Amino acid sequence: MDLDLTPSPRPHGAQRMFSATILVIEAFVVFFAVLAAHQLVPEDRVLTWSWGLLTLLALVLCSGMLRRGAWPYWCGLALQVPVVLLGLQLTPMWVVGAGFAALYAYGAFKGHQLDREKDAVDAAVHESRARDEQGPTG
């Protein structure tokens, strides 16, 4: 497995699209989990809200930073840990967080593979067109 997550130069690549979508949806899930934990764990409301809102903010910021290189993708992977650990406040978040972590990892790595393959096809097409424009040499 290739652990290089450097994004494709293409403006709307599959890697960025998959990863950003998952991070934003995950931010909504974290917000609703915090609302649920607010009622279910009233003695830890300050911890619940600070942890949840910081995680939510980090997820949204990370989704916006995905075009800046490989580090935001790794940051997104690291942000899966506090999402899963929300299970300490709200038990179903163990499963939901693990599911989102798996989705994010799959989206980031598979999207990178798809973009790399598409870039190779684009390069071959551009090379072929450049040869056709030069005309026959012989």
Protein backbone atom coordinates (compact mmCIF):
# COMPACT_ATOMS: atom_id res chain seq x y z
CA MET A 1 0.00 0.00 0.00
CA ASP A 2 1.32 3.40 -1.03
CA LEU A 3 1.31 5.79 1.95
CA ASP A 4 1.95 8.88 -0.18
CA LEU A 5 -1.08 11.17 0.10
CA THR A 6 0.26 14.08 -1.96
CA PRO A 7 -2.82 15.36 -3.79
CA SER A 8 -3.16 15.54 -7.53
CA PRO A 9 -2.76 18.98 -9.12
CA ARG A 10 -6.22 18.57 -10.64
CA PRO A 11 -8.62 21.09 -9.05
CA HIS A 12 -11.46 18.67 -8.29
CA GLY A 13 -9.77 15.33 -7.76
CA ALA A 14 -11.44 12.28 -6.29
CA GLN A 15 -9.16 12.27 -3.26
CA ARG A 16 -10.07 15.81 -2.25
CA MET A 17 -13.77 15.30 -3.03
CA PHE A 18 -14.06 12.07 -1.01
CA SER A 19 -12.03 13.36 1.93
CA ALA A 20 -13.69 16.77 2.20
CA THR A 21 -17.18 15.28 1.94
CA ILE A 22 -16.49 12.74 4.67
CA LEU A 23 -14.93 15.35 6.99
CA VAL A 24 -17.86 17.77 6.64
CA ILE A 25 -20.48 15.05 7.16
CA GLU A 26 -18.47 13.85 10.13
CA ALA A 27 -18.52 17.39 11.57
CA PHE A 28 -22.34 17.34 11.43
CA VAL A 29 -22.39 13.94 13.15
CA VAL A 30 -20.07 15.25 15.88
CA PHE A 31 -22.36 18.25 16.42
CA PHE A 32 -25.43 16.05 16.80
CA ALA A 33 -23.50 13.67 19.07
CA VAL A 34 -22.58 16.62 21.28
CA LEU A 35 -26.23 17.64 21.45
CA ALA A 36 -27.17 14.11 22.49
CA ALA A 37 -24.34 13.90 25.03
CA HIS A 38 -25.44 17.28 26.45
CA GLN A 39 -28.66 15.65 27.62
CA LEU A 40 -27.31 12.19 28.44
CA VAL A 41 -24.22 13.25 30.40
CA PRO A 42 -25.25 16.47 32.18
CA GLU A 43 -22.38 16.38 34.68
CA ASP A 44 -19.77 16.72 31.89
CA ARG A 45 -21.38 19.41 29.75
CA VAL A 46 -18.34 21.70 29.66
CA LEU A 47 -16.06 18.85 28.60
CA THR A 48 -18.62 17.61 26.07
CA TRP A 49 -19.09 21.01 24.42
CA SER A 50 -15.41 22.00 24.41
CA TRP A 51 -14.27 18.63 23.07
CA GLY A 52 -17.06 18.45 20.51
CA LEU A 53 -16.80 22.00 19.21
CA LEU A 54 -12.99 21.87 18.97
CA THR A 55 -13.23 18.59 17.07
CA LEU A 56 -15.96 19.99 14.83
CA LEU A 57 -13.94 23.14 14.08
CA ALA A 58 -10.82 21.09 13.35
CA LEU A 59 -12.75 18.81 10.98
CA VAL A 60 -14.17 21.74 9.00
CA LEU A 61 -10.82 23.55 8.87
CA CYS A 62 -9.06 20.39 7.76
CA SER A 63 -11.57 19.86 4.96
CA GLY A 64 -10.82 23.34 3.69
CA MET A 65 -7.05 22.81 3.82
CA LEU A 66 -6.97 19.65 1.70
CA ARG A 67 -5.57 21.45 -1.36
CA ARG A 68 -2.41 22.48 0.50
CA GLY A 69 -0.47 19.24 0.29
CA ALA A 70 -0.35 15.86 1.99
CA TRP A 71 -0.31 17.05 5.60
CA PRO A 72 -4.06 17.91 5.81
CA TYR A 73 -4.89 14.34 4.77
CA TRP A 74 -2.73 13.01 7.60
CA CYS A 75 -4.29 15.58 9.94
CA GLY A 76 -7.72 14.28 8.90
CA LEU A 77 -6.62 10.77 9.79
CA ALA A 78 -5.41 12.01 13.19
CA LEU A 79 -8.73 13.78 13.75
CA GLN A 80 -10.47 10.43 13.61
CA VAL A 81 -9.08 9.67 17.09
CA PRO A 82 -11.06 12.36 18.98
CA VAL A 83 -14.16 11.45 17.00
CA VAL A 84 -13.88 7.82 18.04
CA LEU A 85 -13.08 8.88 21.61
CA LEU A 86 -16.41 10.70 21.75
CA GLY A 87 -17.55 7.20 22.58
CA LEU A 88 -16.47 7.99 26.15
CA GLN A 89 -19.32 10.49 26.27
CA LEU A 90 -21.82 8.78 23.96
CA THR A 91 -21.39 5.01 23.56
CA PRO A 92 -22.65 4.67 19.95
CA MET A 93 -19.84 6.98 18.82
CA TRP A 94 -17.40 4.07 19.19
CA VAL A 95 -19.08 2.40 16.22
CA VAL A 96 -19.96 5.58 14.31
CA GLY A 97 -16.48 7.03 14.80
CA ALA A 98 -14.79 3.81 13.71
CA GLY A 99 -17.03 3.73 10.65
CA PHE A 100 -16.13 7.29 9.71
CA ALA A 101 -12.43 6.57 10.31
CA ALA A 102 -12.63 3.63 7.91
CA LEU A 103 -14.54 5.72 5.35
CA TYR A 104 -12.03 8.56 5.57
CA ALA A 105 -9.00 6.29 5.24
CA TYR A 106 -10.56 4.48 2.28
CA GLY A 107 -11.58 7.75 0.61
CA ALA A 108 -8.16 9.34 1.04
CA PHE A 109 -6.15 6.37 -0.20
CA LYS A 110 -8.52 5.17 -2.93
CA GLY A 111 -9.09 8.74 -4.12
CA HIS A 112 -5.32 9.19 -4.36
CA GLN A 113 -5.06 6.02 -6.43
CA LEU A 114 -7.89 7.13 -8.75
CA ASP A 115 -6.34 10.58 -9.23
CA ARG A 116 -2.93 9.06 -9.96
CA GLU A 117 -4.44 6.76 -12.60
CA LYS A 118 -6.42 9.63 -14.15
CA ASP A 119 -3.29 11.82 -14.24
CA ALA A 120 -1.43 9.03 -16.08
CA VAL A 121 -4.23 8.73 -18.65
CA ASP A 122 -4.33 12.52 -19.10
CA ALA A 123 -0.54 12.62 -19.61
CA ALA A 124 -0.76 9.89 -22.27
CA VAL A 125 -3.57 11.73 -24.08
CA HIS A 126 -1.65 15.03 -24.03
CA GLU A 127 1.49 13.28 -25.33
CA SER A 128 -0.51 11.62 -28.12
CA ARG A 129 -2.10 14.93 -29.12
CA ALA A 130 1.29 16.66 -29.12
CA ARG A 131 2.67 13.97 -31.47
CA ASP A 132 -0.37 14.28 -33.76
CA GLU A 133 0.04 18.07 -33.97
CA GLN A 134 3.68 17.72 -35.02
CA GLY A 135 2.57 15.71 -38.00
CA PRO A 136 4.20 12.68 -39.57
CA THR A 137 7.97 12.63 -39.43
CA GLY A 138 9.77 10.36 -41.66
